C-alpha atoms as a PDB file:
ATOM      1  CA  MET A   1      -0.015  -0.143   0.099  1.00  0.00           C
ATOM      2  CA  SER A   2       1.017   3.562  -0.380  1.00  0.00           C
ATOM      3  CA  LEU A   3      -0.154   6.958   0.042  1.00  0.00           C
ATOM      4  CA  ASN A   4      -1.830   9.508  -3.217  1.00  0.00           C
ATOM      5  CA  VAL A   5       0.054  12.755  -2.371  1.00  0.00           C
ATOM      6  CA  THR A   6      -0.519  16.191  -4.177  1.00  0.00           C
ATOM      7  CA  VAL A   7       1.122  19.018  -3.137  1.00  0.00           C
ATOM      8  CA  VAL A   8      -0.263  22.518  -5.020  1.00  0.00           C
ATOM      9  CA  ALA A   9       0.462  26.173  -4.743  1.00  0.00           C
ATOM     10  CA  ALA A  10      -2.334  28.715  -5.178  1.00  0.00           C
ATOM     11  CA  ASP A  11      -1.285  28.575  -8.821  1.00  0.00           C
ATOM     12  CA  ARG A  12       0.115  25.588  -9.507  1.00  0.00           C
ATOM     13  CA  SER A  13       0.665  22.014  -9.040  1.00  0.00           C
ATOM     14  CA  VAL A  14       4.208  21.226  -7.476  1.00  0.00           C
ATOM     15  CA  TRP A  15       4.368  17.815  -6.731  1.00  0.00           C
ATOM     16  CA  SER A  16       1.922  14.433  -6.762  1.00  0.00           C
ATOM     17  CA  GLY A  17       2.874  10.584  -6.900  1.00  0.00           C
ATOM     18  CA  GLU A  18       2.617   7.929  -4.275  1.00  0.00           C
ATOM     19  CA  ALA A  19       4.390   7.668  -1.526  1.00  0.00           C
ATOM     20  CA  GLU A  20       5.398   5.563   1.287  1.00  0.00           C
ATOM     21  CA  ARG A  21       5.766   8.575   4.157  1.00  0.00           C
ATOM     22  CA  VAL A  22       4.973  12.052   4.591  1.00  0.00           C
ATOM     23  CA  VAL A  23       6.226  14.585   7.137  1.00  0.00           C
ATOM     24  CA  ALA A  24       4.880  17.841   7.572  1.00  0.00           C
ATOM     25  CA  ARG A  25       5.321  21.056  10.242  1.00  0.00           C
ATOM     26  CA  THR A  26       2.042  22.207  11.383  1.00  0.00           C
ATOM     27  CA  VAL A  27       1.201  25.137  13.695  1.00  0.00           C
ATOM     28  CA  GLU A  28       0.648  22.455  16.483  1.00  0.00           C
ATOM     29  CA  GLY A  29       3.820  20.378  15.633  1.00  0.00           C
ATOM     30  CA  GLU A  30       5.599  18.123  12.958  1.00  0.00           C
ATOM     31  CA  ILE A  31       2.948  15.172  11.717  1.00  0.00           C
ATOM     32  CA  GLY A  32       4.460  11.925  10.254  1.00  0.00           C
ATOM     33  CA  ILE A  33       2.025  10.186   7.864  1.00  0.00           C
ATOM     34  CA  LEU A  34       2.200   6.565   6.678  1.00  0.00           C
ATOM     35  CA  THR A  35      -0.397   4.241   4.991  1.00  0.00           C
ATOM     36  CA  GLY A  36      -3.807   3.775   6.896  1.00  0.00           C
ATOM     37  CA  HIS A  37      -3.502   7.043   9.024  1.00  0.00           C
ATOM     38  CA  GLU A  38      -6.545   8.511  10.637  1.00  0.00           C
ATOM     39  CA  PRO A  39      -8.043  11.412   8.751  1.00  0.00           C
ATOM     40  CA  VAL A  40      -7.225  14.407  10.024  1.00  0.00           C
ATOM     41  CA  LEU A  41      -6.994  18.148   8.646  1.00  0.00           C
ATOM     42  CA  ALA A  42      -4.311  20.474   9.820  1.00  0.00           C
ATOM     43  CA  ILE A  43      -2.781  24.104   9.033  1.00  0.00           C
ATOM     44  CA  VAL A  44       0.701  23.926   7.730  1.00  0.00           C
ATOM     45  CA  ALA A  45       3.372  26.154   9.697  1.00  0.00           C
ATOM     46  CA  GLY A  46       6.024  27.838   7.547  1.00  0.00           C
ATOM     47  CA  GLY A  47       8.878  24.936   6.566  1.00  0.00           C
ATOM     48  CA  ASN A  48       9.806  21.759   4.641  1.00  0.00           C
ATOM     49  CA  VAL A  49       7.271  18.992   3.962  1.00  0.00           C
ATOM     50  CA  ARG A  50       9.429  15.620   3.026  1.00  0.00           C
ATOM     51  CA  ILE A  51       7.829  13.233   0.988  1.00  0.00           C
ATOM     52  CA  THR A  52       9.470   9.489   0.326  1.00  0.00           C
ATOM     53  CA  PRO A  53       8.366   8.577  -2.753  1.00  0.00           C
ATOM     54  CA  THR A  54       7.961   4.709  -3.506  1.00  0.00           C
ATOM     55  CA  SER A  55      10.942   5.196  -5.580  1.00  0.00           C
ATOM     56  CA  GLY A  56      12.817   6.006  -2.455  1.00  0.00           C
ATOM     57  CA  GLU A  57      14.692   9.296  -2.760  1.00  0.00           C
ATOM     58  CA  THR A  58      13.385  12.069  -0.439  1.00  0.00           C
ATOM     59  CA  ILE A  59      11.590  14.936  -1.937  1.00  0.00           C
ATOM     60  CA  ASN A  60      11.534  18.622  -0.180  1.00  0.00           C
ATOM     61  CA  VAL A  61       8.885  20.892  -0.736  1.00  0.00           C
ATOM     62  CA  SER A  62       9.170  24.383   0.994  1.00  0.00           C
ATOM     63  CA  ALA A  63       5.362  25.363   1.859  1.00  0.00           C
ATOM     64  CA  ASP A  64       4.102  27.820   3.485  1.00  0.00           C
ATOM     65  CA  GLY A  65       0.497  28.421   4.992  1.00  0.00           C
ATOM     66  CA  GLY A  66      -2.116  26.372   3.976  1.00  0.00           C
ATOM     67  CA  PHE A  67      -3.655  23.294   5.256  1.00  0.00           C
ATOM     68  CA  LEU A  68      -2.816  19.279   5.124  1.00  0.00           C
ATOM     69  CA  SER A  69      -5.571  16.937   5.125  1.00  0.00           C
ATOM     70  CA  VAL A  70      -5.193  13.089   4.927  1.00  0.00           C
ATOM     71  CA  ALA A  71      -8.191  10.764   4.512  1.00  0.00           C
ATOM     72  CA  ASP A  72      -8.540   7.368   2.800  1.00  0.00           C
ATOM     73  CA  ASP A  73      -4.305   7.182   2.183  1.00  0.00           C
ATOM     74  CA  VAL A  74      -5.250  10.498   0.294  1.00  0.00           C
ATOM     75  CA  VAL A  75      -2.673  13.480   1.352  1.00  0.00           C
ATOM     76  CA  HIS A  76      -3.373  17.264   0.268  1.00  0.00           C
ATOM     77  CA  VAL A  77      -0.633  19.621   0.914  1.00  0.00           C
ATOM     78  CA  VAL A  78      -3.113  22.792  -0.037  1.00  0.00           C
ATOM     79  CA  ALA A  79      -0.252  26.097   0.305  1.00  0.00           C
ATOM     80  CA  ASP A  80      -0.445  29.549  -0.494  1.00  0.00           C
ATOM     81  CA  GLN A  81       3.078  29.138  -1.550  1.00  0.00           C
ATOM     82  CA  ALA A  82       5.267  26.028  -2.303  1.00  0.00           C
ATOM     83  CA  GLN A  83       8.270  24.939  -4.211  1.00  0.00           C
ATOM     84  CA  LEU A  84      10.503  22.073  -4.746  1.00  0.00           C
ATOM     85  CA  VAL A  85      13.766  22.134  -2.841  1.00  0.00           C
END
């Protein structure tokens, strides 16, 4: 099993694909997401979102503002500003 991950900025898609893990900073602290994670909605704090795709190489996205949602192994990061680092 894997996560279906989409990262978008206000004006464009930044990254999408299948991943084993996503780690992001929220206003309540860092959150790690694996398959089977409970549904959650969180506000993204400025910082990196680390995505470990099924291919194994870590993807780093700088995200500022917005939110992260998780439901049924689907992760959406919708940021005010975001770019690959």
